[in-house]
Structure formats: C-alpha cells, structure tokens
Amino acid sequence: MATSRSGSSSSSTALRSSSSDEEFQHILNERKRKRMVSNREAARRSRMRKQKQLDDLMGQVSRLTDESHRILTSINITGQLYLNIEAENSVLRAQITELSTRLQSLNEIVGFINSSNGVFGYDHHDDCEAAHHHLQVDDDSLMNINQWSCFSVNHHPILAPADTIMY
C-alpha cells in the first residue's frame, strides 16, 4: 500500500506542479500583457508630447517669421526716411553754401559803400535823414547807392551765426 500512496502522492504533486506552472504562466502572460498595454500607452503619450512640441515650435516659427517681416518692413521704412533726410540735408548744405556766398558778397558791397561815403559828392547825413523820412523805394532811388549807405551797419560786416554754417 505504501507504493500506491507514494504513487498517488507523486501524481498529486505532479498535478499540483502542473497546475502551479499553468498559474505561473498565466501570471507571466498577464504581466506581459499589462506591460505591453503600459508600453503602448507610454508610446502614445510620448507621440502626443512630441506632436505638441512640434506644434509649439511651428507656432513659434510662424510668430518669428511675422516678427521678422515686421522688422524688415521697419528697416526698409527707416532706410527710406534716412535717404530722404540725407537728401534734404544735402539741399540744406547747398543752400547754406549759397547763402554764405551771398552774405559774403553783401558784406563786400557794404564794405564798398561804407568806404566810398562822400566819394560821389553827396552829403551822407542829409541822405540818411531823407531816407528815414521817406522809406518809399522807387526806380530813381535805387540808382543812388549813396542813399542806401546810411543803412550800413556802422562799418561792421553782416555775420551769420556759426552754427548755421555746416559744410
């Protein structure tokens, strides 16, 4: 009887062993399935993060492109304004040169008039009083240069402020 017991005992152990192997396999399969599901979910989250990052970067590219266009437009407008101002400055410099030349000529005329007082035989004092009383100018009075000499600047040249003469 002892043999039958040991025989039935070994078959019961084998049954238990095969049953626990199946349970162990079932547990391993379940863990493997859960791991696969978890990995799929992690991969899906990773793809979503990458897609969000890509969308954010594309939005940033769009904003930076727009800003770049605005800056280029601003630079072009500023450049055009600069060219306009440079042209205006060039015209003003030419006008300064012309006005300086005119001023120099006028100073030479005033100097000539002041140095020639009495040369033409006129009484300078009488002419000045007449000019102050009659401030009307006609063609005949323009012919008499000595009449205008009373308006001289007391032998001082006409000066332009230094800050207006820029070459």
N, C-alpha and C. Protein backbone atom coordinates (compact mmCIF):
# COMPACT_ATOMS: atom_id res chain seq x y z
N MET A 1 0.77 -1.16 0.00
CA MET A 1 0.00 0.00 0.00
C MET A 1 0.82 1.24 0.00
N ALA A 2 1.96 1.00 0.51
CA ALA A 2 2.86 2.14 0.57
C ALA A 2 3.19 2.63 -0.81
N THR A 3 3.29 1.68 -1.74
CA THR A 3 3.61 2.09 -3.09
C THR A 3 2.48 2.87 -3.71
N SER A 4 1.28 2.46 -3.38
CA SER A 4 0.19 3.18 -4.00
C SER A 4 0.09 4.60 -3.44
N ARG A 5 0.42 4.70 -2.21
CA ARG A 5 0.39 6.02 -1.63
C ARG A 5 1.46 6.89 -2.25
N SER A 6 2.60 6.36 -2.35
CA SER A 6 3.66 7.19 -2.91
C SER A 6 3.38 7.47 -4.36
N GLY A 7 2.75 6.53 -5.05
CA GLY A 7 2.38 6.75 -6.46
C GLY A 7 1.32 7.80 -6.57
N SER A 8 0.34 7.76 -5.71
CA SER A 8 -0.71 8.75 -5.80
C SER A 8 -0.21 10.07 -5.27
N SER A 9 0.70 10.03 -4.38
CA SER A 9 1.28 11.25 -3.86
C SER A 9 2.11 11.93 -4.92
N SER A 10 2.84 11.19 -5.70
CA SER A 10 3.65 11.80 -6.76
C SER A 10 2.77 12.31 -7.87
N SER A 11 1.66 11.65 -8.15
CA SER A 11 0.79 12.15 -9.20
C SER A 11 0.05 13.38 -8.70
N SER A 12 -0.27 13.46 -7.45
CA SER A 12 -0.92 14.64 -6.91
C SER A 12 0.06 15.81 -6.89
N THR A 13 1.32 15.56 -6.63
CA THR A 13 2.35 16.60 -6.67
C THR A 13 2.54 17.05 -8.10
N ALA A 14 2.49 16.11 -9.01
CA ALA A 14 2.63 16.46 -10.42
C ALA A 14 1.44 17.29 -10.86
N LEU A 15 0.26 16.94 -10.38
CA LEU A 15 -0.92 17.73 -10.72
C LEU A 15 -0.80 19.14 -10.15
N ARG A 16 -0.37 19.18 -8.93
CA ARG A 16 -0.18 20.49 -8.31
C ARG A 16 0.90 21.26 -9.03
N SER A 17 1.92 20.57 -9.39
CA SER A 17 3.04 21.21 -10.07
C SER A 17 2.59 21.71 -11.43
N SER A 18 1.84 20.93 -12.16
CA SER A 18 1.39 21.38 -13.48
C SER A 18 0.37 22.48 -13.32
N SER A 19 -0.45 22.42 -12.28
CA SER A 19 -1.43 23.47 -12.03
C SER A 19 -0.72 24.76 -11.64
N SER A 20 0.31 24.70 -10.82
CA SER A 20 1.03 25.90 -10.44
C SER A 20 1.84 26.43 -11.62
N ASP A 21 2.33 25.58 -12.51
CA ASP A 21 3.01 26.02 -13.74
C ASP A 21 2.04 26.79 -14.63
N GLU A 22 0.82 26.29 -14.70
CA GLU A 22 -0.18 26.98 -15.52
C GLU A 22 -0.53 28.34 -14.90
N GLU A 23 -0.67 28.35 -13.59
CA GLU A 23 -0.95 29.62 -12.91
C GLU A 23 0.22 30.59 -13.09
N PHE A 24 1.44 30.06 -12.95
CA PHE A 24 2.63 30.88 -13.11
C PHE A 24 2.68 31.44 -14.54
N GLN A 25 2.39 30.60 -15.52
CA GLN A 25 2.36 31.04 -16.93
C GLN A 25 1.27 32.09 -17.13
N HIS A 26 0.12 31.80 -16.49
CA HIS A 26 -0.99 32.76 -16.60
C HIS A 26 -0.58 34.12 -16.00
N ILE A 27 0.08 34.09 -14.85
CA ILE A 27 0.54 35.32 -14.19
C ILE A 27 1.57 36.02 -15.08
N LEU A 28 2.51 35.22 -15.64
CA LEU A 28 3.52 35.82 -16.53
C LEU A 28 2.86 36.43 -17.77
N ASN A 29 1.92 35.73 -18.34
CA ASN A 29 1.21 36.25 -19.53
C ASN A 29 0.45 37.54 -19.20
N GLU A 30 -0.19 37.53 -18.01
CA GLU A 30 -0.94 38.72 -17.60
C GLU A 30 0.00 39.91 -17.40
N ARG A 31 1.17 39.65 -16.74
CA ARG A 31 2.15 40.72 -16.56
C ARG A 31 2.67 41.21 -17.91
N LYS A 32 2.92 40.29 -18.81
CA LYS A 32 3.40 40.66 -20.15
C LYS A 32 2.37 41.51 -20.87
N ARG A 33 1.09 41.09 -20.78
CA ARG A 33 0.01 41.86 -21.41
C ARG A 33 -0.10 43.25 -20.80
N LYS A 34 -0.04 43.35 -19.47
CA LYS A 34 -0.11 44.65 -18.81
C LYS A 34 1.08 45.54 -19.22
N ARG A 35 2.28 44.93 -19.29
CA ARG A 35 3.46 45.67 -19.70
C ARG A 35 3.31 46.18 -21.13
N MET A 36 2.75 45.34 -22.02
CA MET A 36 2.54 45.75 -23.41
C MET A 36 1.54 46.91 -23.48
N VAL A 37 0.46 46.81 -22.71
CA VAL A 37 -0.54 47.88 -22.68
C VAL A 37 0.09 49.16 -22.13
N SER A 38 0.85 49.01 -21.05
CA SER A 38 1.52 50.18 -20.46
C SER A 38 2.52 50.80 -21.44
N ASN A 39 3.28 49.96 -22.14
CA ASN A 39 4.24 50.46 -23.13
C ASN A 39 3.53 51.17 -24.28
N ARG A 40 2.41 50.59 -24.72
CA ARG A 40 1.65 51.25 -25.79
C ARG A 40 1.15 52.62 -25.34
N GLU A 41 0.64 52.68 -24.09
CA GLU A 41 0.14 53.95 -23.55
C GLU A 41 1.29 54.96 -23.41
N ALA A 42 2.44 54.53 -22.94
CA ALA A 42 3.61 55.41 -22.80
C ALA A 42 4.06 55.91 -24.18
N ALA A 43 4.04 55.02 -25.17
CA ALA A 43 4.42 55.42 -26.54
C ALA A 43 3.41 56.43 -27.09
N ARG A 44 2.12 56.21 -26.80
CA ARG A 44 1.09 57.15 -27.25
C ARG A 44 1.29 58.52 -26.59
N ARG A 45 1.56 58.53 -25.27
CA ARG A 45 1.81 59.80 -24.58
C ARG A 45 3.06 60.49 -25.14
N SER A 46 4.08 59.70 -25.43
CA SER A 46 5.32 60.25 -25.99
C SER A 46 5.06 60.88 -27.36
N ARG A 47 4.28 60.20 -28.20
CA ARG A 47 3.93 60.75 -29.52
C ARG A 47 3.13 62.04 -29.37
N MET A 48 2.21 62.05 -28.39
CA MET A 48 1.41 63.26 -28.16
C MET A 48 2.29 64.42 -27.70
N ARG A 49 3.25 64.13 -26.78
CA ARG A 49 4.18 65.18 -26.33
C ARG A 49 5.01 65.71 -27.50
N LYS A 50 5.51 64.80 -28.32
CA LYS A 50 6.31 65.21 -29.48
C LYS A 50 5.47 66.03 -30.46
N GLN A 51 4.21 65.62 -30.67
CA GLN A 51 3.34 66.37 -31.58
C GLN A 51 3.04 67.77 -31.01
N LYS A 52 2.81 67.84 -29.69
CA LYS A 52 2.58 69.14 -29.06
C LYS A 52 3.82 70.01 -29.18
N GLN A 53 4.98 69.42 -28.93
CA GLN A 53 6.23 70.17 -29.06
C GLN A 53 6.43 70.66 -30.49
N LEU A 54 6.12 69.81 -31.47
CA LEU A 54 6.23 70.19 -32.88
C LEU A 54 5.26 71.32 -33.21
N ASP A 55 4.01 71.21 -32.70
CA ASP A 55 3.03 72.28 -32.93
C ASP A 55 3.48 73.59 -32.30
N ASP A 56 4.02 73.51 -31.08
CA ASP A 56 4.54 74.71 -30.42
C ASP A 56 5.67 75.34 -31.23
N LEU A 57 6.58 74.52 -31.70
CA LEU A 57 7.70 75.03 -32.50
C LEU A 57 7.23 75.63 -33.81
N MET A 58 6.23 75.01 -34.43
CA MET A 58 5.69 75.57 -35.68
C MET A 58 5.02 76.92 -35.42
N GLY A 59 4.30 77.03 -34.31
CA GLY A 59 3.70 78.31 -33.93
C GLY A 59 4.77 79.36 -33.68
N GLN A 60 5.85 78.96 -33.02
CA GLN A 60 6.96 79.88 -32.75
C GLN A 60 7.61 80.32 -34.06
N VAL A 61 7.79 79.38 -34.99
CA VAL A 61 8.35 79.73 -36.30
C VAL A 61 7.46 80.75 -36.99
N SER A 62 6.16 80.54 -36.94
CA SER A 62 5.21 81.46 -37.56
C SER A 62 5.30 82.85 -36.93
N ARG A 63 5.32 82.90 -35.60
CA ARG A 63 5.43 84.20 -34.91
C ARG A 63 6.74 84.89 -35.24
N LEU A 64 7.83 84.14 -35.23
CA LEU A 64 9.14 84.73 -35.53
C LEU A 64 9.23 85.19 -36.99
N THR A 65 8.61 84.45 -37.89
CA THR A 65 8.58 84.86 -39.30
C THR A 65 7.81 86.16 -39.45
N ASP A 66 6.66 86.26 -38.78
CA ASP A 66 5.88 87.50 -38.82
C ASP A 66 6.68 88.66 -38.24
N GLU A 67 7.33 88.42 -37.10
CA GLU A 67 8.14 89.48 -36.48
C GLU A 67 9.29 89.88 -37.39
N SER A 68 9.90 88.91 -38.04
CA SER A 68 10.99 89.19 -38.97
C SER A 68 10.51 90.06 -40.12
N HIS A 69 9.33 89.77 -40.65
CA HIS A 69 8.76 90.58 -41.74
C HIS A 69 8.48 92.00 -41.25
N ARG A 70 7.94 92.12 -40.03
CA ARG A 70 7.68 93.46 -39.48
C ARG A 70 8.98 94.24 -39.30
N ILE A 71 10.01 93.57 -38.80
CA ILE A 71 11.29 94.23 -38.60
C ILE A 71 11.89 94.65 -39.93
N LEU A 72 11.83 93.78 -40.93
CA LEU A 72 12.36 94.13 -42.26
C LEU A 72 11.61 95.31 -42.86
N THR A 73 10.29 95.31 -42.69
CA THR A 73 9.49 96.44 -43.18
C THR A 73 9.90 97.72 -42.47
N SER A 74 10.08 97.63 -41.16
CA SER A 74 10.51 98.79 -40.38
C SER A 74 11.88 99.27 -40.81
N ILE A 75 12.78 98.35 -41.07
CA ILE A 75 14.13 98.71 -41.53
C ILE A 75 14.05 99.39 -42.88
N ASN A 76 13.22 98.87 -43.78
CA ASN A 76 13.09 99.48 -45.11
C ASN A 76 12.51 100.89 -45.01
N ILE A 77 11.49 101.06 -44.17
CA ILE A 77 10.89 102.39 -43.99
C ILE A 77 11.92 103.34 -43.38
N THR A 78 12.63 102.88 -42.36
CA THR A 78 13.65 103.71 -41.72
C THR A 78 14.75 104.07 -42.72
N GLY A 79 15.16 103.11 -43.54
CA GLY A 79 16.17 103.39 -44.55
C GLY A 79 15.70 104.44 -45.54
N GLN A 80 14.44 104.35 -45.95
CA GLN A 80 13.89 105.33 -46.88
C GLN A 80 13.84 106.71 -46.24
N LEU A 81 13.40 106.75 -44.97
CA LEU A 81 13.39 108.03 -44.25
C LEU A 81 14.80 108.60 -44.13
N TYR A 82 15.76 107.74 -43.87
CA TYR A 82 17.16 108.18 -43.78
C TYR A 82 17.61 108.78 -45.10
N LEU A 83 17.30 108.10 -46.21
CA LEU A 83 17.69 108.63 -47.53
C LEU A 83 17.01 109.97 -47.80
N ASN A 84 15.74 110.10 -47.41
CA ASN A 84 15.03 111.37 -47.59
C ASN A 84 15.68 112.48 -46.78
N ILE A 85 16.04 112.16 -45.54
CA ILE A 85 16.67 113.16 -44.68
C ILE A 85 18.05 113.52 -45.22
N GLU A 86 18.79 112.53 -45.70
CA GLU A 86 20.11 112.80 -46.29
C GLU A 86 19.96 113.72 -47.50
N ALA A 87 18.95 113.48 -48.33
CA ALA A 87 18.73 114.33 -49.50
C ALA A 87 18.37 115.75 -49.05
N GLU A 88 17.52 115.85 -48.03
CA GLU A 88 17.14 117.16 -47.52
C GLU A 88 18.36 117.88 -46.93
N ASN A 89 19.20 117.13 -46.20
CA ASN A 89 20.42 117.73 -45.64
C ASN A 89 21.35 118.20 -46.75
N SER A 90 21.43 117.45 -47.81
CA SER A 90 22.26 117.84 -48.93
C SER A 90 21.77 119.16 -49.54
N VAL A 91 20.44 119.26 -49.70
CA VAL A 91 19.86 120.51 -50.22
C VAL A 91 20.15 121.66 -49.26
N LEU A 92 19.97 121.41 -47.95
CA LEU A 92 20.23 122.46 -46.96
C LEU A 92 21.70 122.87 -46.95
N ARG A 93 22.61 121.92 -47.12
CA ARG A 93 24.03 122.27 -47.19
C ARG A 93 24.32 123.14 -48.41
N ALA A 94 23.69 122.80 -49.53
CA ALA A 94 23.87 123.61 -50.74
C ALA A 94 23.31 125.02 -50.51
N GLN A 95 22.16 125.10 -49.83
CA GLN A 95 21.58 126.41 -49.53
C GLN A 95 22.48 127.21 -48.59
N ILE A 96 23.08 126.54 -47.61
CA ILE A 96 24.00 127.22 -46.70
C ILE A 96 25.18 127.79 -47.49
N THR A 97 25.71 126.98 -48.40
CA THR A 97 26.84 127.44 -49.21
C THR A 97 26.43 128.65 -50.04
N GLU A 98 25.27 128.56 -50.67
CA GLU A 98 24.79 129.68 -51.49
C GLU A 98 24.55 130.92 -50.64
N LEU A 99 23.89 130.76 -49.49
CA LEU A 99 23.61 131.90 -48.63
C LEU A 99 24.90 132.49 -48.04
N SER A 100 25.86 131.64 -47.73
CA SER A 100 27.14 132.14 -47.24
C SER A 100 27.84 132.97 -48.31
N THR A 101 27.77 132.50 -49.55
CA THR A 101 28.36 133.26 -50.67
C THR A 101 27.64 134.59 -50.83
N ARG A 102 26.33 134.57 -50.77
CA ARG A 102 25.55 135.82 -50.87
C ARG A 102 25.90 136.77 -49.73
N LEU A 103 26.01 136.22 -48.51
CA LEU A 103 26.34 137.03 -47.35
C LEU A 103 27.72 137.67 -47.53
N GLN A 104 28.65 136.90 -48.02
CA GLN A 104 29.99 137.44 -48.26
C GLN A 104 29.93 138.56 -49.30
N SER A 105 29.15 138.36 -50.35
CA SER A 105 29.01 139.39 -51.38
C SER A 105 28.37 140.64 -50.80
N LEU A 106 27.33 140.47 -49.99
CA LEU A 106 26.67 141.61 -49.36
C LEU A 106 27.63 142.35 -48.43
N ASN A 107 28.43 141.60 -47.69
CA ASN A 107 29.42 142.23 -46.82
C ASN A 107 30.43 143.03 -47.64
N GLU A 108 30.81 142.51 -48.80
CA GLU A 108 31.74 143.24 -49.67
C GLU A 108 31.09 144.51 -50.19
N ILE A 109 29.80 144.42 -50.56
CA ILE A 109 29.07 145.62 -51.04
C ILE A 109 28.97 146.64 -49.93
N VAL A 110 28.61 146.21 -48.72
CA VAL A 110 28.50 147.11 -47.58
C VAL A 110 29.86 147.75 -47.32
N GLY A 111 30.91 146.96 -47.38
CA GLY A 111 32.25 147.50 -47.19
C GLY A 111 32.59 148.54 -48.23
N PHE A 112 32.23 148.27 -49.49
CA PHE A 112 32.50 149.21 -50.57
C PHE A 112 31.70 150.50 -50.35
N ILE A 113 30.43 150.35 -49.99
CA ILE A 113 29.57 151.53 -49.77
C ILE A 113 30.10 152.35 -48.61
N ASN A 114 30.48 151.68 -47.53
CA ASN A 114 30.99 152.39 -46.36
C ASN A 114 32.32 153.08 -46.66
N SER A 115 33.13 152.46 -47.49
CA SER A 115 34.43 153.06 -47.80
C SER A 115 34.31 154.18 -48.82
N SER A 116 33.20 154.22 -49.57
CA SER A 116 33.06 155.24 -50.61
C SER A 116 32.15 156.38 -50.19
N ASN A 117 31.80 156.51 -48.90
CA ASN A 117 30.96 157.62 -48.43
C ASN A 117 31.62 158.95 -48.79
N GLY A 118 30.86 159.82 -49.39
CA GLY A 118 31.36 161.14 -49.77
C GLY A 118 32.09 161.17 -51.09
N VAL A 119 32.40 160.02 -51.66
CA VAL A 119 33.14 159.98 -52.92
C VAL A 119 32.29 160.54 -54.06
N PHE A 120 31.01 160.28 -54.00
CA PHE A 120 30.14 160.71 -55.10
C PHE A 120 29.64 162.14 -54.92
N GLY A 121 30.11 162.85 -53.90
CA GLY A 121 29.76 164.25 -53.70
C GLY A 121 28.44 164.45 -53.01
N TYR A 122 27.98 163.48 -52.29
CA TYR A 122 26.71 163.61 -51.57
C TYR A 122 26.99 163.79 -50.11
N ASP A 123 26.10 164.50 -49.45
CA ASP A 123 26.22 164.65 -48.00
C ASP A 123 25.52 163.46 -47.37
N HIS A 124 26.31 162.64 -46.78
CA HIS A 124 25.82 161.40 -46.21
C HIS A 124 24.73 161.66 -45.17
N HIS A 125 24.89 162.64 -44.34
CA HIS A 125 23.95 162.94 -43.27
C HIS A 125 22.58 163.34 -43.83
N ASP A 126 22.55 164.17 -44.86
CA ASP A 126 21.28 164.59 -45.46
C ASP A 126 20.58 163.42 -46.13
N ASP A 127 21.34 162.58 -46.79
CA ASP A 127 20.74 161.42 -47.47
C ASP A 127 20.11 160.46 -46.46
N CYS A 128 20.77 160.28 -45.34
CA CYS A 128 20.22 159.37 -44.33
C CYS A 128 18.93 159.93 -43.75
N GLU A 129 18.90 161.24 -43.47
CA GLU A 129 17.66 161.81 -42.93
C GLU A 129 16.54 161.70 -43.94
N ALA A 130 16.83 161.92 -45.20
CA ALA A 130 15.81 161.81 -46.25
C ALA A 130 15.33 160.37 -46.36
N ALA A 131 16.23 159.42 -46.25
CA ALA A 131 15.86 158.01 -46.35
C ALA A 131 14.99 157.60 -45.17
N HIS A 132 15.30 158.10 -44.00
CA HIS A 132 14.49 157.75 -42.83
C HIS A 132 13.11 158.37 -42.91
N HIS A 133 12.98 159.57 -43.50
CA HIS A 133 11.68 160.21 -43.64
C HIS A 133 10.87 159.63 -44.79
N HIS A 134 11.54 159.20 -45.80
CA HIS A 134 10.86 158.66 -46.99
C HIS A 134 11.32 157.23 -47.19
N LEU A 135 10.63 156.32 -46.62
CA LEU A 135 11.01 154.92 -46.74
C LEU A 135 10.38 154.29 -47.98
N GLN A 136 10.00 155.08 -48.94
CA GLN A 136 9.47 154.58 -50.19
C GLN A 136 10.63 154.36 -51.14
N VAL A 137 10.59 153.27 -51.86
CA VAL A 137 11.65 152.95 -52.81
C VAL A 137 11.07 153.03 -54.20
N ASP A 138 11.71 153.80 -55.07
CA ASP A 138 11.31 153.81 -56.48
C ASP A 138 12.54 153.56 -57.32
N ASP A 139 12.36 153.49 -58.62
CA ASP A 139 13.47 153.15 -59.51
C ASP A 139 14.59 154.18 -59.44
N ASP A 140 14.26 155.46 -59.28
CA ASP A 140 15.29 156.50 -59.24
C ASP A 140 16.12 156.39 -57.95
N SER A 141 15.46 156.05 -56.84
CA SER A 141 16.22 155.97 -55.59
C SER A 141 17.16 154.78 -55.58
N LEU A 142 16.83 153.71 -56.35
CA LEU A 142 17.72 152.56 -56.42
C LEU A 142 19.00 152.92 -57.16
N MET A 143 18.96 153.92 -58.03
CA MET A 143 20.14 154.33 -58.77
C MET A 143 21.12 155.07 -57.87
N ASN A 144 20.66 155.64 -56.80
CA ASN A 144 21.50 156.41 -55.90
C ASN A 144 22.00 155.49 -54.78
N ILE A 145 23.15 154.89 -54.96
CA ILE A 145 23.70 153.94 -53.99
C ILE A 145 24.00 154.62 -52.68
N ASN A 146 24.43 155.87 -52.73
CA ASN A 146 24.79 156.56 -51.50
C ASN A 146 23.60 156.75 -50.58
N GLN A 147 22.39 156.78 -51.14
CA GLN A 147 21.20 156.92 -50.30
C GLN A 147 21.08 155.72 -49.36
N TRP A 148 21.48 154.54 -49.84
CA TRP A 148 21.35 153.33 -49.03
C TRP A 148 22.51 153.15 -48.08
N SER A 149 23.55 153.94 -48.24
CA SER A 149 24.71 153.77 -47.37
C SER A 149 24.39 154.15 -45.93
N CYS A 150 23.35 154.92 -45.70
CA CYS A 150 23.01 155.28 -44.33
C CYS A 150 22.48 154.08 -43.56
N PHE A 151 22.12 153.04 -44.26
CA PHE A 151 21.64 151.83 -43.59
C PHE A 151 22.78 150.87 -43.32
N SER A 152 24.01 151.31 -43.44
CA SER A 152 25.14 150.42 -43.18
C SER A 152 25.15 150.05 -41.71
N VAL A 153 25.91 149.06 -41.41
CA VAL A 153 25.93 148.52 -40.07
C VAL A 153 27.12 149.12 -39.32
N ASN A 154 27.28 150.43 -39.44
CA ASN A 154 28.36 151.13 -38.76
C ASN A 154 29.72 150.47 -39.01
N HIS A 155 29.97 150.19 -40.25
CA HIS A 155 31.23 149.61 -40.70
C HIS A 155 31.48 148.22 -40.16
N HIS A 156 30.44 147.53 -39.69
CA HIS A 156 30.58 146.15 -39.23
C HIS A 156 29.97 145.24 -40.28
N PRO A 157 30.66 144.14 -40.59
CA PRO A 157 30.09 143.21 -41.59
C PRO A 157 28.87 142.48 -41.02
N ILE A 158 28.03 141.99 -41.90
CA ILE A 158 26.88 141.19 -41.50
C ILE A 158 27.40 139.80 -41.22
N LEU A 159 27.08 139.28 -40.05
CA LEU A 159 27.59 137.98 -39.68
C LEU A 159 26.48 136.96 -39.55
N ALA A 160 26.78 135.72 -39.92
CA ALA A 160 25.84 134.63 -39.75
C ALA A 160 26.30 133.83 -38.53
N PRO A 161 25.37 133.32 -37.74
CA PRO A 161 25.78 132.50 -36.59
C PRO A 161 26.59 131.30 -37.05
N ALA A 162 27.60 130.92 -36.27
CA ALA A 162 28.50 129.84 -36.66
C ALA A 162 27.78 128.50 -36.78
N ASP A 163 26.74 128.30 -35.99
CA ASP A 163 26.06 127.00 -36.02
C ASP A 163 25.22 126.81 -37.28
N THR A 164 25.00 127.86 -38.06
CA THR A 164 24.23 127.69 -39.30
C THR A 164 25.12 127.35 -40.48
N ILE A 165 26.41 127.53 -40.34
CA ILE A 165 27.32 127.22 -41.44
C ILE A 165 27.94 125.86 -41.17
N MET A 166 27.45 124.85 -41.89
CA MET A 166 27.94 123.48 -41.73
C MET A 166 28.31 122.96 -43.11
N TYR A 167 29.54 122.55 -43.25
CA TYR A 167 29.98 122.07 -44.57
C TYR A 167 30.14 120.60 -44.57
